[in-house]
């Protein structure tokens, strides 16, 4: 039996028009799940990165730790309910190409969303797009509540790479795809036959141009996917 192909989708600014982490955390604050201080700390982490005080991976790790601590003692079911509410209203912020390309690929490809964000967001993203699964940071759970700890972090490029390689090894990669927007996605992009850079930042654009990778706006992705599938 022939192995299926595989496709990986980053979420923030690649599949979703913005930073889903902040949008979801803001929704949690509005519904009494996390505190104002938690969200402020997360925003400070991002501000420090944007000002050049800390590198991206340190920002991502700090933000995840602040979020995990903010959920300490919170009921998992409450977080899941609020997450579902969020995605029911914010689904329109996913770029239209995402579902269209998944529909094109799913007959031959297994589809995985890959994100540094936690599992309660990634799970809903995968479910709403009928994806095969997701790879994400895992906030530790015990006895129905969050412990405030992180049992698995995908804040670094190396950790993302480590997580996707077992899947690459069990699939046919001749027409494998990956979609990403930043230099933090380089390892994922270089691992597949067809790396597609969507809304590429300046660092990723340089890498993509050096390696002759596809660079697309969200509106150009479908034509690019169709062209690659026809090769």
N, C-alpha and C. Protein backbone atom coordinates (compact mmCIF):
# COMPACT_ATOMS: atom_id res chain seq x y z
N UNK A 1 0.84 -1.20 0.00
CA UNK A 1 0.00 0.00 0.00
C UNK A 1 0.88 1.24 0.00
N UNK A 2 0.62 2.15 -0.94
CA UNK A 2 1.43 3.35 -1.08
C UNK A 2 1.21 4.30 0.09
N UNK A 3 2.29 4.85 0.59
CA UNK A 3 2.19 5.81 1.69
C UNK A 3 1.53 7.10 1.20
N UNK A 4 0.80 7.75 2.11
CA UNK A 4 0.21 9.04 1.80
C UNK A 4 1.27 10.14 1.89
N UNK A 5 0.99 11.24 1.21
CA UNK A 5 1.83 12.42 1.29
C UNK A 5 1.47 13.20 2.56
N UNK A 6 2.18 14.31 2.80
CA UNK A 6 1.91 15.08 4.02
C UNK A 6 2.04 16.57 3.72
N UNK A 7 1.27 17.37 4.46
CA UNK A 7 1.34 18.84 4.36
C UNK A 7 1.26 19.44 5.75
N UNK A 8 2.13 20.43 6.01
CA UNK A 8 2.18 21.12 7.30
C UNK A 8 1.78 22.58 7.12
N UNK A 9 0.93 23.07 8.02
CA UNK A 9 0.49 24.47 7.99
C UNK A 9 0.86 25.16 9.31
N UNK A 10 1.69 26.19 9.23
CA UNK A 10 1.84 27.08 10.37
C UNK A 10 0.52 27.84 10.54
N UNK A 11 0.28 28.40 11.72
CA UNK A 11 -1.00 29.07 11.95
C UNK A 11 -0.87 30.60 11.91
N UNK A 12 -0.15 31.19 12.86
CA UNK A 12 -0.11 32.65 12.96
C UNK A 12 0.44 33.31 11.70
N UNK A 13 -0.35 34.21 11.11
CA UNK A 13 0.02 35.00 9.94
C UNK A 13 0.21 34.19 8.68
N UNK A 14 0.17 32.87 8.80
CA UNK A 14 0.22 31.98 7.64
C UNK A 14 -1.19 31.52 7.29
N UNK A 15 -1.84 30.89 8.23
CA UNK A 15 -3.22 30.42 8.04
C UNK A 15 -4.23 31.41 8.60
N UNK A 16 -3.82 32.14 9.63
CA UNK A 16 -4.70 33.03 10.38
C UNK A 16 -4.20 34.46 10.23
N UNK A 17 -5.09 35.38 9.97
CA UNK A 17 -4.72 36.78 9.72
C UNK A 17 -4.48 37.50 11.05
N UNK A 18 -3.31 37.26 11.64
CA UNK A 18 -2.97 37.86 12.91
C UNK A 18 -2.28 36.85 13.81
N UNK A 19 -2.25 37.17 15.11
CA UNK A 19 -1.62 36.29 16.10
C UNK A 19 -2.73 35.64 16.92
N UNK A 20 -3.01 34.39 16.64
CA UNK A 20 -4.13 33.72 17.29
C UNK A 20 -3.92 33.60 18.80
N UNK A 21 -2.66 33.54 19.23
CA UNK A 21 -2.36 33.43 20.66
C UNK A 21 -2.92 34.62 21.42
N UNK A 22 -2.64 35.83 20.93
CA UNK A 22 -3.13 37.02 21.63
C UNK A 22 -4.65 37.15 21.53
N UNK A 23 -5.19 36.82 20.36
CA UNK A 23 -6.65 36.92 20.20
C UNK A 23 -7.36 35.94 21.14
N UNK A 24 -6.85 34.72 21.24
CA UNK A 24 -7.47 33.73 22.11
C UNK A 24 -7.29 34.10 23.57
N UNK A 25 -6.11 34.59 23.94
CA UNK A 25 -5.88 35.00 25.33
C UNK A 25 -6.77 36.18 25.70
N UNK A 26 -6.97 37.12 24.76
CA UNK A 26 -7.87 38.25 25.02
C UNK A 26 -9.29 37.76 25.26
N UNK A 27 -9.72 36.78 24.48
CA UNK A 27 -11.05 36.19 24.68
C UNK A 27 -11.14 35.53 26.05
N UNK A 28 -10.07 34.86 26.47
CA UNK A 28 -10.06 34.25 27.80
C UNK A 28 -10.16 35.29 28.90
N UNK A 29 -9.48 36.41 28.74
CA UNK A 29 -9.58 37.49 29.73
C UNK A 29 -11.01 38.00 29.81
N UNK A 30 -11.63 38.22 28.67
CA UNK A 30 -12.99 38.75 28.63
C UNK A 30 -13.99 37.81 29.29
N UNK A 31 -13.63 36.53 29.36
CA UNK A 31 -14.53 35.53 29.95
C UNK A 31 -14.05 35.04 31.31
N UNK A 32 -13.12 35.76 31.92
CA UNK A 32 -12.69 35.46 33.28
C UNK A 32 -11.82 34.24 33.44
N UNK A 33 -11.21 33.78 32.35
CA UNK A 33 -10.35 32.60 32.43
C UNK A 33 -8.96 32.98 32.92
N UNK A 34 -8.37 34.03 32.33
CA UNK A 34 -7.07 34.52 32.77
C UNK A 34 -7.21 35.94 33.31
N UNK A 35 -6.18 36.41 33.96
CA UNK A 35 -6.20 37.75 34.56
C UNK A 35 -5.66 38.80 33.60
N UNK A 36 -5.93 40.05 33.93
CA UNK A 36 -5.38 41.16 33.17
C UNK A 36 -3.85 41.13 33.20
N UNK A 37 -3.29 40.74 34.35
CA UNK A 37 -1.84 40.69 34.48
C UNK A 37 -1.24 39.65 33.53
N UNK A 38 -1.90 38.53 33.40
CA UNK A 38 -1.41 37.49 32.49
C UNK A 38 -1.32 38.01 31.07
N UNK A 39 -2.38 38.65 30.61
CA UNK A 39 -2.37 39.17 29.24
C UNK A 39 -1.34 40.28 29.08
N UNK A 40 -1.21 41.12 30.10
CA UNK A 40 -0.20 42.19 30.06
C UNK A 40 1.20 41.60 29.94
N UNK A 41 1.47 40.55 30.70
CA UNK A 41 2.79 39.91 30.63
C UNK A 41 3.04 39.33 29.23
N UNK A 42 2.03 38.75 28.62
CA UNK A 42 2.17 38.19 27.28
C UNK A 42 2.45 39.29 26.26
N UNK A 43 1.75 40.40 26.40
CA UNK A 43 1.97 41.52 25.48
C UNK A 43 3.35 42.12 25.68
N UNK A 44 3.83 42.13 26.91
CA UNK A 44 5.18 42.63 27.19
C UNK A 44 6.23 41.75 26.53
N UNK A 45 6.02 40.45 26.57
CA UNK A 45 6.94 39.53 25.90
C UNK A 45 7.06 39.87 24.42
N UNK A 46 5.93 40.10 23.78
CA UNK A 46 5.93 40.43 22.35
C UNK A 46 6.59 41.78 22.10
N UNK A 47 6.32 42.76 22.97
CA UNK A 47 6.92 44.08 22.82
C UNK A 47 8.44 44.01 22.95
N UNK A 48 8.93 43.18 23.86
CA UNK A 48 10.38 43.03 24.03
C UNK A 48 11.02 42.43 22.79
N UNK A 49 10.32 41.51 22.16
CA UNK A 49 10.83 40.92 20.92
C UNK A 49 10.85 41.96 19.79
N UNK A 50 9.77 42.69 19.66
CA UNK A 50 9.67 43.67 18.58
C UNK A 50 10.69 44.80 18.72
N UNK A 51 11.05 45.10 19.96
CA UNK A 51 12.04 46.16 20.20
C UNK A 51 13.48 45.64 20.08
N UNK A 52 13.64 44.34 19.92
CA UNK A 52 14.96 43.75 19.78
C UNK A 52 15.62 43.37 21.09
N UNK A 53 14.89 43.47 22.20
CA UNK A 53 15.47 43.14 23.51
C UNK A 53 15.74 41.65 23.65
N UNK A 54 14.86 40.83 23.09
CA UNK A 54 15.01 39.39 23.18
C UNK A 54 14.74 38.76 21.82
N UNK A 55 15.36 37.61 21.51
CA UNK A 55 15.10 36.93 20.23
C UNK A 55 13.73 36.26 20.22
N UNK A 56 13.30 35.86 19.02
CA UNK A 56 11.97 35.29 18.86
C UNK A 56 11.72 34.09 19.75
N UNK A 57 12.66 33.16 19.77
CA UNK A 57 12.43 31.93 20.51
C UNK A 57 12.30 32.19 22.01
N UNK A 58 13.07 33.15 22.53
CA UNK A 58 12.95 33.49 23.95
C UNK A 58 11.60 34.15 24.22
N UNK A 59 11.17 35.01 23.30
CA UNK A 59 9.85 35.62 23.43
C UNK A 59 8.76 34.56 23.49
N UNK A 60 8.82 33.60 22.54
CA UNK A 60 7.79 32.57 22.48
C UNK A 60 7.77 31.74 23.76
N UNK A 61 8.93 31.37 24.28
CA UNK A 61 8.98 30.58 25.50
C UNK A 61 8.44 31.37 26.69
N UNK A 62 8.85 32.64 26.80
CA UNK A 62 8.36 33.48 27.92
C UNK A 62 6.85 33.62 27.87
N UNK A 63 6.33 33.85 26.66
CA UNK A 63 4.89 34.03 26.50
C UNK A 63 4.14 32.76 26.90
N UNK A 64 4.64 31.62 26.46
CA UNK A 64 3.98 30.36 26.81
C UNK A 64 4.00 30.12 28.32
N UNK A 65 5.12 30.44 28.95
CA UNK A 65 5.21 30.25 30.41
C UNK A 65 4.25 31.17 31.15
N UNK A 66 4.13 32.42 30.70
CA UNK A 66 3.18 33.33 31.34
C UNK A 66 1.75 32.85 31.15
N UNK A 67 1.45 32.35 29.96
CA UNK A 67 0.08 31.87 29.68
C UNK A 67 -0.22 30.63 30.52
N UNK A 68 0.72 29.70 30.56
CA UNK A 68 0.51 28.48 31.35
C UNK A 68 0.28 28.81 32.82
N UNK A 69 1.07 29.75 33.35
CA UNK A 69 0.89 30.15 34.74
C UNK A 69 -0.46 30.83 34.95
N UNK A 70 -0.89 31.59 33.96
CA UNK A 70 -2.19 32.25 34.05
C UNK A 70 -3.36 31.29 34.09
N UNK A 71 -3.14 30.08 33.58
CA UNK A 71 -4.20 29.06 33.57
C UNK A 71 -4.10 28.09 34.75
N UNK A 72 -3.15 28.33 35.64
CA UNK A 72 -2.98 27.46 36.80
C UNK A 72 -4.29 27.29 37.57
N UNK A 73 -4.70 26.03 37.74
CA UNK A 73 -5.90 25.72 38.50
C UNK A 73 -7.20 25.88 37.74
N UNK A 74 -7.14 26.30 36.49
CA UNK A 74 -8.37 26.50 35.72
C UNK A 74 -8.88 25.16 35.19
N UNK A 75 -10.17 25.02 35.15
CA UNK A 75 -10.79 23.80 34.67
C UNK A 75 -10.58 23.65 33.17
N UNK A 76 -10.09 22.50 32.78
CA UNK A 76 -9.83 22.26 31.36
C UNK A 76 -11.10 22.40 30.55
N UNK A 77 -12.21 21.90 31.04
CA UNK A 77 -13.46 21.96 30.30
C UNK A 77 -13.90 23.40 30.06
N UNK A 78 -13.70 24.28 31.05
CA UNK A 78 -14.06 25.69 30.88
C UNK A 78 -13.23 26.32 29.76
N UNK A 79 -11.95 26.00 29.72
CA UNK A 79 -11.07 26.54 28.68
C UNK A 79 -11.49 26.02 27.31
N UNK A 80 -11.85 24.75 27.23
CA UNK A 80 -12.28 24.17 25.96
C UNK A 80 -13.57 24.81 25.46
N UNK A 81 -14.51 25.05 26.37
CA UNK A 81 -15.78 25.67 26.00
C UNK A 81 -15.53 27.07 25.44
N UNK A 82 -14.70 27.85 26.12
CA UNK A 82 -14.41 29.21 25.68
C UNK A 82 -13.61 29.20 24.38
N UNK A 83 -12.76 28.22 24.21
CA UNK A 83 -12.00 28.11 22.96
C UNK A 83 -12.94 27.84 21.79
N UNK A 84 -13.91 26.98 22.00
CA UNK A 84 -14.87 26.70 20.94
C UNK A 84 -15.66 27.96 20.58
N UNK A 85 -16.06 28.73 21.58
CA UNK A 85 -16.76 29.98 21.33
C UNK A 85 -15.90 30.93 20.50
N UNK A 86 -14.63 31.01 20.85
CA UNK A 86 -13.71 31.89 20.13
C UNK A 86 -13.63 31.52 18.67
N UNK A 87 -13.44 30.24 18.37
CA UNK A 87 -13.27 29.84 16.98
C UNK A 87 -14.57 29.91 16.19
N UNK A 88 -15.69 29.83 16.86
CA UNK A 88 -16.97 30.00 16.17
C UNK A 88 -17.14 31.42 15.67
N UNK A 89 -16.53 32.39 16.37
CA UNK A 89 -16.65 33.79 15.96
C UNK A 89 -15.45 34.28 15.14
N UNK A 90 -14.28 33.69 15.36
CA UNK A 90 -13.07 34.16 14.71
C UNK A 90 -12.66 33.31 13.51
N UNK A 91 -13.47 32.36 13.13
CA UNK A 91 -13.14 31.52 11.99
C UNK A 91 -12.93 32.30 10.71
N UNK A 92 -13.59 33.45 10.61
CA UNK A 92 -13.47 34.28 9.40
C UNK A 92 -12.07 34.86 9.24
N UNK A 93 -11.25 34.84 10.29
CA UNK A 93 -9.91 35.40 10.19
C UNK A 93 -8.90 34.40 9.59
N UNK A 94 -9.34 33.20 9.32
CA UNK A 94 -8.49 32.26 8.60
C UNK A 94 -8.57 32.60 7.11
N UNK A 95 -7.42 32.62 6.45
CA UNK A 95 -7.40 32.95 5.04
C UNK A 95 -8.18 31.90 4.24
N UNK A 96 -8.98 32.33 3.26
CA UNK A 96 -9.79 31.37 2.50
C UNK A 96 -8.97 30.26 1.84
N UNK A 97 -7.71 30.56 1.47
CA UNK A 97 -6.91 29.54 0.79
C UNK A 97 -6.70 28.30 1.65
N UNK A 98 -6.76 28.45 2.97
CA UNK A 98 -6.42 27.33 3.86
C UNK A 98 -7.37 26.17 3.62
N UNK A 99 -8.67 26.41 3.73
CA UNK A 99 -9.61 25.31 3.54
C UNK A 99 -9.62 24.83 2.10
N UNK A 100 -9.50 25.77 1.15
CA UNK A 100 -9.50 25.37 -0.26
C UNK A 100 -8.31 24.48 -0.59
N UNK A 101 -7.13 24.84 -0.07
CA UNK A 101 -5.94 24.03 -0.35
C UNK A 101 -6.02 22.68 0.37
N UNK A 102 -6.59 22.66 1.55
CA UNK A 102 -6.76 21.39 2.25
C UNK A 102 -7.70 20.47 1.47
N UNK A 103 -8.75 21.06 0.91
CA UNK A 103 -9.66 20.25 0.09
C UNK A 103 -8.94 19.67 -1.12
N UNK A 104 -8.01 20.44 -1.69
CA UNK A 104 -7.24 19.97 -2.84
C UNK A 104 -6.28 18.84 -2.45
N UNK A 105 -5.67 19.00 -1.27
CA UNK A 105 -4.62 18.08 -0.86
C UNK A 105 -5.12 16.82 -0.14
N UNK A 106 -6.23 16.93 0.55
CA UNK A 106 -6.63 15.85 1.45
C UNK A 106 -6.87 14.49 0.79
N UNK A 107 -7.24 14.42 -0.49
CA UNK A 107 -7.36 13.07 -1.08
C UNK A 107 -6.05 12.29 -1.08
N UNK A 108 -4.92 13.00 -1.11
CA UNK A 108 -3.61 12.33 -1.20
C UNK A 108 -2.67 12.64 -0.03
N UNK A 109 -3.00 13.68 0.75
CA UNK A 109 -2.12 14.15 1.81
C UNK A 109 -2.78 14.10 3.18
N UNK A 110 -2.00 13.76 4.19
CA UNK A 110 -2.41 13.99 5.57
C UNK A 110 -2.03 15.42 5.93
N UNK A 111 -2.93 16.09 6.65
CA UNK A 111 -2.78 17.53 6.92
C UNK A 111 -2.55 17.75 8.41
N UNK A 112 -1.48 18.48 8.74
CA UNK A 112 -1.17 18.79 10.14
C UNK A 112 -0.93 20.29 10.31
N UNK A 113 -1.57 20.85 11.32
CA UNK A 113 -1.25 22.22 11.73
C UNK A 113 -0.12 22.16 12.75
N UNK A 114 0.84 23.05 12.59
CA UNK A 114 2.02 23.08 13.46
C UNK A 114 2.11 24.46 14.08
N UNK A 115 2.15 24.53 15.42
CA UNK A 115 2.16 25.82 16.09
C UNK A 115 2.86 25.74 17.44
N UNK A 116 3.43 26.87 17.83
CA UNK A 116 4.00 26.97 19.18
C UNK A 116 2.90 27.20 20.22
N UNK A 117 1.71 27.50 19.77
CA UNK A 117 0.60 27.70 20.69
C UNK A 117 0.16 26.42 21.36
N UNK A 118 -0.67 26.53 22.41
CA UNK A 118 -1.07 25.35 23.19
C UNK A 118 -2.14 24.50 22.51
N UNK A 119 -2.34 23.32 23.07
CA UNK A 119 -3.18 22.30 22.45
C UNK A 119 -4.64 22.70 22.33
N UNK A 120 -5.16 23.49 23.26
CA UNK A 120 -6.60 23.78 23.21
C UNK A 120 -6.94 24.72 22.05
N UNK A 121 -5.97 25.44 21.51
CA UNK A 121 -6.19 26.21 20.30
C UNK A 121 -5.94 25.37 19.06
N UNK A 122 -4.82 24.66 19.05
CA UNK A 122 -4.45 23.87 17.88
C UNK A 122 -5.49 22.80 17.56
N UNK A 123 -6.06 22.19 18.58
CA UNK A 123 -7.06 21.15 18.36
C UNK A 123 -8.26 21.68 17.60
N UNK A 124 -8.74 22.88 17.98
CA UNK A 124 -9.90 23.44 17.30
C UNK A 124 -9.58 23.87 15.88
N UNK A 125 -8.37 24.39 15.66
CA UNK A 125 -7.95 24.76 14.31
C UNK A 125 -7.96 23.52 13.42
N UNK A 126 -7.40 22.43 13.92
CA UNK A 126 -7.39 21.18 13.15
C UNK A 126 -8.80 20.67 12.89
N UNK A 127 -9.64 20.70 13.92
CA UNK A 127 -11.00 20.18 13.78
C UNK A 127 -11.82 21.00 12.78
N UNK A 128 -11.70 22.33 12.85
CA UNK A 128 -12.55 23.17 12.00
C UNK A 128 -12.15 23.08 10.53
N UNK A 129 -10.91 22.62 10.26
CA UNK A 129 -10.47 22.48 8.87
C UNK A 129 -10.42 21.02 8.43
N UNK A 130 -10.95 20.13 9.25
CA UNK A 130 -10.95 18.69 8.92
C UNK A 130 -9.55 18.18 8.62
N UNK A 131 -8.59 18.65 9.41
CA UNK A 131 -7.21 18.21 9.26
C UNK A 131 -7.01 16.85 9.91
N UNK A 132 -5.90 16.22 9.57
CA UNK A 132 -5.56 14.93 10.16
C UNK A 132 -5.21 15.07 11.63
N UNK A 133 -4.50 16.15 11.96
CA UNK A 133 -4.08 16.35 13.33
C UNK A 133 -3.33 17.65 13.51
N UNK A 134 -2.63 17.78 14.64
CA UNK A 134 -1.90 19.00 14.95
C UNK A 134 -0.66 18.66 15.76
N UNK A 135 0.30 19.56 15.72
CA UNK A 135 1.51 19.48 16.52
C UNK A 135 1.62 20.81 17.25
N UNK A 136 1.67 20.77 18.58
CA UNK A 136 1.61 22.02 19.34
C UNK A 136 2.36 21.89 20.66
N UNK A 137 2.51 23.03 21.30
CA UNK A 137 2.92 23.05 22.70
C UNK A 137 1.81 22.38 23.53
N UNK A 138 2.20 21.71 24.60
CA UNK A 138 1.22 21.06 25.47
C UNK A 138 1.31 21.66 26.87
N UNK A 139 0.24 22.29 27.31
CA UNK A 139 0.14 22.74 28.69
C UNK A 139 -0.29 21.55 29.54
N UNK A 140 0.43 21.30 30.60
CA UNK A 140 0.20 20.12 31.43
C UNK A 140 -1.18 20.15 32.09
N UNK A 141 -1.81 18.98 32.09
CA UNK A 141 -3.14 18.82 32.70
C UNK A 141 -3.08 17.72 33.76
N UNK A 142 -3.83 17.91 34.83
CA UNK A 142 -3.92 16.88 35.84
C UNK A 142 -5.25 17.02 36.59
N UNK A 143 -5.97 15.92 36.69
CA UNK A 143 -7.24 15.88 37.42
C UNK A 143 -8.21 16.96 36.96
N UNK A 144 -8.23 17.19 35.64
CA UNK A 144 -9.21 18.11 35.08
C UNK A 144 -8.86 19.57 35.14
N UNK A 145 -7.64 19.89 35.58
CA UNK A 145 -7.24 21.30 35.65
C UNK A 145 -5.84 21.46 35.05
N UNK A 146 -5.50 22.69 34.71
CA UNK A 146 -4.16 22.99 34.25
C UNK A 146 -3.24 23.20 35.44
N UNK A 147 -2.02 22.67 35.33
CA UNK A 147 -1.09 22.71 36.46
C UNK A 147 -0.23 23.98 36.49
N UNK A 148 -0.26 24.75 35.40
CA UNK A 148 0.61 25.92 35.30
C UNK A 148 1.95 25.61 34.67
N UNK A 149 2.18 24.34 34.35
CA UNK A 149 3.45 23.92 33.76
C UNK A 149 3.27 23.60 32.27
N UNK A 150 4.38 23.52 31.57
CA UNK A 150 4.40 23.14 30.15
C UNK A 150 5.07 21.78 30.05
N UNK A 151 4.36 20.81 29.53
CA UNK A 151 4.96 19.48 29.41
C UNK A 151 5.72 19.31 28.09
N UNK A 152 5.36 20.10 27.07
CA UNK A 152 6.10 20.10 25.81
C UNK A 152 5.98 21.47 25.16
N UNK A 153 7.11 22.09 24.85
CA UNK A 153 7.12 23.40 24.22
C UNK A 153 7.62 23.30 22.78
N UNK A 154 6.95 24.02 21.88
CA UNK A 154 7.40 24.12 20.50
C UNK A 154 7.88 25.54 20.19
N UNK A 155 8.46 26.18 21.19
CA UNK A 155 8.89 27.57 21.03
C UNK A 155 10.09 27.72 20.12
N UNK A 156 10.87 26.67 19.93
CA UNK A 156 12.08 26.78 19.13
C UNK A 156 11.96 26.03 17.80
N UNK A 157 12.77 26.46 16.83
CA UNK A 157 12.78 25.80 15.52
C UNK A 157 13.20 24.35 15.64
N UNK A 158 14.18 24.09 16.49
CA UNK A 158 14.68 22.73 16.64
C UNK A 158 13.60 21.79 17.20
N UNK A 159 12.81 22.31 18.14
CA UNK A 159 11.75 21.48 18.72
C UNK A 159 10.66 21.18 17.69
N UNK A 160 10.34 22.17 16.86
CA UNK A 160 9.38 21.93 15.79
C UNK A 160 9.91 20.84 14.84
N UNK A 161 11.18 20.98 14.48
CA UNK A 161 11.80 20.01 13.58
C UNK A 161 11.74 18.61 14.16
N UNK A 162 12.04 18.49 15.46
CA UNK A 162 12.03 17.20 16.12
C UNK A 162 10.65 16.57 16.09
N UNK A 163 9.61 17.40 16.17
CA UNK A 163 8.24 16.88 16.22
C UNK A 163 7.73 16.44 14.85
N UNK A 164 8.17 17.10 13.79
CA UNK A 164 7.62 16.74 12.48
C UNK A 164 8.36 15.58 11.83
N UNK A 165 9.59 15.32 12.24
CA UNK A 165 10.37 14.29 11.55
C UNK A 165 9.78 12.88 11.66
N UNK A 166 9.21 12.47 12.79
CA UNK A 166 8.57 11.14 12.81
C UNK A 166 7.46 11.01 11.77
N UNK A 167 6.73 12.10 11.53
CA UNK A 167 5.67 12.06 10.52
C UNK A 167 6.26 12.01 9.12
N UNK A 168 7.31 12.77 8.88
CA UNK A 168 7.97 12.72 7.57
C UNK A 168 8.47 11.31 7.26
N UNK A 169 8.93 10.63 8.29
CA UNK A 169 9.49 9.29 8.08
C UNK A 169 8.44 8.23 7.79
N UNK A 170 7.18 8.55 8.06
CA UNK A 170 6.12 7.57 7.81
C UNK A 170 5.25 7.95 6.61
N UNK A 171 5.67 8.96 5.86
CA UNK A 171 4.91 9.40 4.69
C UNK A 171 5.80 9.42 3.45
N UNK A 172 5.14 9.43 2.30
CA UNK A 172 5.83 9.64 1.03
C UNK A 172 5.98 11.15 0.85
N UNK A 173 7.21 11.63 0.73
CA UNK A 173 7.45 13.07 0.72
C UNK A 173 7.73 13.65 -0.66
N UNK A 174 7.44 12.88 -1.70
CA UNK A 174 7.74 13.34 -3.06
C UNK A 174 6.99 14.61 -3.41
N UNK A 175 5.78 14.77 -2.89
CA UNK A 175 4.99 15.99 -3.12
C UNK A 175 4.51 16.58 -1.78
N UNK A 176 5.37 16.52 -0.78
CA UNK A 176 5.03 17.08 0.52
C UNK A 176 5.06 18.60 0.48
N UNK A 177 4.20 19.22 1.28
CA UNK A 177 4.08 20.67 1.32
C UNK A 177 4.29 21.19 2.74
N UNK A 178 4.73 22.44 2.85
CA UNK A 178 4.70 23.16 4.12
C UNK A 178 4.43 24.63 3.83
N UNK A 179 3.65 25.25 4.72
CA UNK A 179 3.27 26.65 4.57
C UNK A 179 3.73 27.40 5.82
N UNK A 180 4.52 28.46 5.64
CA UNK A 180 5.02 29.22 6.79
C UNK A 180 5.25 30.67 6.43
N UNK A 181 5.42 31.50 7.45
CA UNK A 181 5.56 32.95 7.21
C UNK A 181 6.85 33.56 7.76
N UNK A 182 7.59 32.83 8.60
CA UNK A 182 8.72 33.46 9.29
C UNK A 182 9.93 32.54 9.32
N UNK A 183 11.05 33.12 9.74
CA UNK A 183 12.29 32.34 9.84
C UNK A 183 12.16 31.20 10.83
N UNK A 184 11.20 31.30 11.74
CA UNK A 184 11.00 30.21 12.70
C UNK A 184 10.41 28.97 12.03
N UNK A 185 9.98 29.11 10.77
CA UNK A 185 9.41 27.98 10.03
C UNK A 185 10.42 27.36 9.06
N UNK A 186 11.66 27.86 9.03
CA UNK A 186 12.62 27.43 8.01
C UNK A 186 12.86 25.93 8.05
N UNK A 187 13.09 25.37 9.24
CA UNK A 187 13.36 23.94 9.34
C UNK A 187 12.19 23.11 8.83
N UNK A 188 10.98 23.55 9.09
CA UNK A 188 9.81 22.84 8.60
C UNK A 188 9.73 22.96 7.08
N UNK A 189 9.97 24.15 6.57
CA UNK A 189 9.88 24.39 5.13
C UNK A 189 10.95 23.61 4.36
N UNK A 190 12.15 23.58 4.88
CA UNK A 190 13.22 22.91 4.15
C UNK A 190 13.11 21.39 4.22
N UNK A 191 12.19 20.88 5.01
CA UNK A 191 12.02 19.44 5.17
C UNK A 191 11.09 18.83 4.13
N UNK A 192 10.44 19.67 3.31
CA UNK A 192 9.44 19.16 2.37
C UNK A 192 9.85 19.44 0.93
N UNK A 193 9.13 18.80 0.02
CA UNK A 193 9.43 19.00 -1.40
C UNK A 193 9.00 20.38 -1.88
N UNK A 194 7.86 20.87 -1.35
CA UNK A 194 7.31 22.14 -1.81
C UNK A 194 7.10 23.10 -0.64
N UNK A 195 8.11 23.90 -0.30
CA UNK A 195 7.94 24.92 0.73
C UNK A 195 7.25 26.14 0.14
N UNK A 196 6.20 26.61 0.79
CA UNK A 196 5.45 27.77 0.31
C UNK A 196 5.44 28.83 1.41
N UNK A 197 6.00 29.98 1.10
CA UNK A 197 6.14 31.07 2.08
C UNK A 197 4.99 32.04 1.88
N UNK A 198 4.12 32.15 2.87
CA UNK A 198 2.93 32.98 2.80
C UNK A 198 3.11 34.17 3.74
N UNK A 199 2.90 35.39 3.21
CA UNK A 199 3.13 36.59 4.03
C UNK A 199 4.54 36.57 4.64
N UNK A 200 5.52 36.19 3.85
CA UNK A 200 6.88 35.99 4.37
C UNK A 200 7.47 37.26 4.95
N UNK A 201 8.05 37.14 6.16
CA UNK A 201 8.77 38.28 6.73
C UNK A 201 10.12 38.42 6.02
N UNK A 202 10.85 39.49 6.33
CA UNK A 202 12.07 39.80 5.58
C UNK A 202 13.12 38.69 5.71
N UNK A 203 13.23 38.10 6.90
CA UNK A 203 14.24 37.04 7.08
C UNK A 203 13.89 35.80 6.28
N UNK A 204 12.63 35.40 6.31
CA UNK A 204 12.23 34.22 5.54
C UNK A 204 12.34 34.50 4.04
N UNK A 205 12.01 35.72 3.63
CA UNK A 205 12.08 36.05 2.21
C UNK A 205 13.51 35.87 1.68
N UNK A 206 14.50 36.26 2.47
CA UNK A 206 15.89 36.10 2.05
C UNK A 206 16.23 34.62 1.86
N UNK A 207 15.81 33.79 2.83
CA UNK A 207 16.07 32.35 2.73
C UNK A 207 15.35 31.77 1.52
N UNK A 208 14.10 32.20 1.32
CA UNK A 208 13.30 31.67 0.22
C UNK A 208 13.91 32.04 -1.13
N UNK A 209 14.37 33.26 -1.26
CA UNK A 209 14.98 33.69 -2.52
C UNK A 209 16.27 32.92 -2.79
N UNK A 210 17.06 32.68 -1.75
CA UNK A 210 18.31 31.93 -1.90
C UNK A 210 18.04 30.50 -2.36
N UNK A 211 16.94 29.91 -1.87
CA UNK A 211 16.62 28.51 -2.15
C UNK A 211 15.58 28.32 -3.24
N UNK A 212 15.16 29.43 -3.85
CA UNK A 212 14.14 29.39 -4.92
C UNK A 212 12.83 28.77 -4.45
N UNK A 213 12.44 29.08 -3.22
CA UNK A 213 11.15 28.63 -2.70
C UNK A 213 10.05 29.55 -3.21
N UNK A 214 8.83 29.04 -3.23
CA UNK A 214 7.68 29.86 -3.61
C UNK A 214 7.38 30.90 -2.54
N UNK A 215 7.18 32.14 -2.96
CA UNK A 215 6.79 33.24 -2.08
C UNK A 215 5.44 33.74 -2.57
N UNK A 216 4.42 33.68 -1.72
CA UNK A 216 3.05 33.96 -2.16
C UNK A 216 2.33 34.90 -1.21
N UNK A 217 1.40 35.64 -1.73
CA UNK A 217 0.38 36.26 -0.91
C UNK A 217 -0.69 35.20 -0.67
N UNK A 218 -1.56 35.39 0.32
CA UNK A 218 -2.62 34.38 0.52
C UNK A 218 -3.45 34.14 -0.74
N UNK A 219 -3.63 35.19 -1.54
CA UNK A 219 -4.45 35.07 -2.74
C UNK A 219 -3.78 34.24 -3.83
N UNK A 220 -2.46 34.08 -3.75
CA UNK A 220 -1.72 33.36 -4.79
C UNK A 220 -1.48 31.89 -4.46
N UNK A 221 -1.82 31.48 -3.24
CA UNK A 221 -1.44 30.14 -2.78
C UNK A 221 -2.09 29.04 -3.61
N UNK A 222 -3.36 29.15 -3.90
CA UNK A 222 -4.06 28.06 -4.60
C UNK A 222 -3.44 27.80 -5.96
N UNK A 223 -3.16 28.85 -6.73
CA UNK A 223 -2.52 28.66 -8.03
C UNK A 223 -1.17 27.98 -7.88
N UNK A 224 -0.43 28.33 -6.83
CA UNK A 224 0.88 27.74 -6.61
C UNK A 224 0.75 26.26 -6.26
N UNK A 225 -0.19 25.93 -5.39
CA UNK A 225 -0.40 24.53 -5.00
C UNK A 225 -0.81 23.71 -6.22
N UNK A 226 -1.72 24.24 -7.02
CA UNK A 226 -2.17 23.50 -8.21
C UNK A 226 -1.01 23.27 -9.17
N UNK A 227 -0.15 24.29 -9.32
CA UNK A 227 1.00 24.15 -10.22
C UNK A 227 1.96 23.08 -9.73
N UNK A 228 2.20 23.05 -8.42
CA UNK A 228 3.13 22.06 -7.88
C UNK A 228 2.54 20.65 -7.97
N UNK A 229 1.26 20.51 -7.76
CA UNK A 229 0.63 19.19 -7.84
C UNK A 229 0.68 18.64 -9.26
N UNK A 230 0.70 19.52 -10.23
CA UNK A 230 0.69 19.08 -11.63
C UNK A 230 2.08 18.73 -12.15
N UNK A 231 3.12 18.98 -11.37
CA UNK A 231 4.49 18.68 -11.82
C UNK A 231 4.73 17.17 -11.89
